[in-house]
Amino acid sequence: MVALSVILFPPLLIAFLLVMERVEEPLRRPAGPREVSEFLHTATQGEVDTLAQSGIRRAIGRWRRRRRTSGGTASPPLV
């Protein structure tokens, strides 16, 4: 059982780190002026409430998730 744990731990750790990299990438990307402008024009009431309570970073993150799951019709953000 210990040998199995020793063999499986490194690949599982690497897989976890790769997943976390994908989760963190959008959080590190700053919101540009064009994206903020689009957010202000298309945000839902819940996203505006998040903006007021938690700040722009969390509100933009919620808005990006909604756009990503709504069908992917939006263009990628310009950096």
Protein backbone atom coordinates (compact mmCIF):
# COMPACT_ATOMS: atom_id res chain seq x y z
CA MET A 1 0.00 0.00 0.00
CA VAL A 2 2.88 2.36 0.82
CA ALA A 3 4.57 1.54 -2.48
CA LEU A 4 1.35 2.34 -4.35
CA SER A 5 1.12 5.68 -2.55
CA VAL A 6 4.73 6.50 -3.39
CA ILE A 7 4.15 5.66 -7.05
CA LEU A 8 0.85 7.56 -7.39
CA PHE A 9 1.64 10.68 -5.37
CA PRO A 10 3.93 12.50 -7.89
CA PRO A 11 1.58 12.14 -10.91
CA LEU A 12 -1.42 13.19 -8.82
CA LEU A 13 0.47 16.20 -7.49
CA ILE A 14 1.49 17.23 -11.00
CA ALA A 15 -2.10 16.84 -12.24
CA PHE A 16 -3.35 18.99 -9.36
CA LEU A 17 -0.78 21.69 -10.12
CA LEU A 18 -1.77 21.75 -13.79
CA VAL A 19 -5.44 22.14 -12.89
CA MET A 20 -4.64 24.95 -10.46
CA GLU A 21 -2.62 26.73 -13.15
CA ARG A 22 -5.70 26.79 -15.37
CA VAL A 23 -7.80 28.12 -12.51
CA GLU A 24 -5.32 30.88 -11.61
CA GLU A 25 -4.60 32.13 -15.14
CA PRO A 26 -7.78 34.23 -15.55
CA LEU A 27 -7.30 35.67 -12.07
CA ARG A 28 -3.84 36.98 -12.93
CA ARG A 29 -4.97 38.63 -16.16
CA PRO A 30 -5.93 42.27 -15.52
CA ALA A 31 -9.12 43.68 -16.95
CA GLY A 32 -8.48 46.15 -19.74
CA PRO A 33 -10.45 49.34 -20.30
CA ARG A 34 -12.39 47.81 -23.17
CA GLU A 35 -13.37 44.81 -21.07
CA VAL A 36 -14.45 47.03 -18.16
CA SER A 37 -16.56 49.11 -20.54
CA GLU A 38 -18.20 45.99 -21.96
CA PHE A 39 -18.78 44.73 -18.40
CA LEU A 40 -20.56 47.95 -17.45
CA HIS A 41 -22.85 47.68 -20.49
CA THR A 42 -23.71 43.96 -20.19
CA ALA A 43 -23.47 43.16 -16.46
CA THR A 44 -26.42 41.58 -14.70
CA GLN A 45 -27.77 42.91 -11.42
CA GLY A 46 -25.95 40.17 -9.51
CA GLU A 47 -22.64 41.11 -11.13
CA VAL A 48 -23.18 44.78 -10.27
CA ASP A 49 -23.91 43.77 -6.67
CA THR A 50 -20.67 41.77 -6.64
CA LEU A 51 -18.86 44.85 -7.95
CA ALA A 52 -20.25 46.96 -5.11
CA GLN A 53 -19.53 44.38 -2.41
CA SER A 54 -16.29 42.71 -3.51
CA GLY A 55 -14.61 44.94 -6.07
CA ILE A 56 -13.90 44.90 -9.77
CA ARG A 57 -11.66 41.81 -9.83
CA ARG A 58 -14.31 39.45 -8.43
CA ALA A 59 -17.11 41.06 -10.48
CA ILE A 60 -15.12 40.74 -13.73
CA GLY A 61 -14.33 37.12 -12.85
CA ARG A 62 -18.01 36.36 -12.37
CA TRP A 63 -18.84 38.15 -15.63
CA ARG A 64 -16.16 36.22 -17.53
CA ARG A 65 -17.52 32.90 -16.20
CA ARG A 66 -21.06 33.85 -17.32
CA ARG A 67 -19.83 34.80 -20.79
CA ARG A 68 -17.79 31.61 -21.09
CA THR A 69 -20.76 29.38 -20.19
CA SER A 70 -23.30 31.32 -22.26
CA GLY A 71 -22.15 29.75 -25.50
CA GLY A 72 -18.76 31.26 -26.24
CA THR A 73 -20.08 33.86 -28.69
CA ALA A 74 -17.97 36.63 -27.19
CA SER A 75 -14.63 37.61 -28.65
CA PRO A 76 -11.47 36.97 -26.61
CA PRO A 77 -10.28 39.88 -24.47
CA LEU A 78 -7.78 42.26 -25.98
CA VAL A 79 -4.65 42.73 -23.94
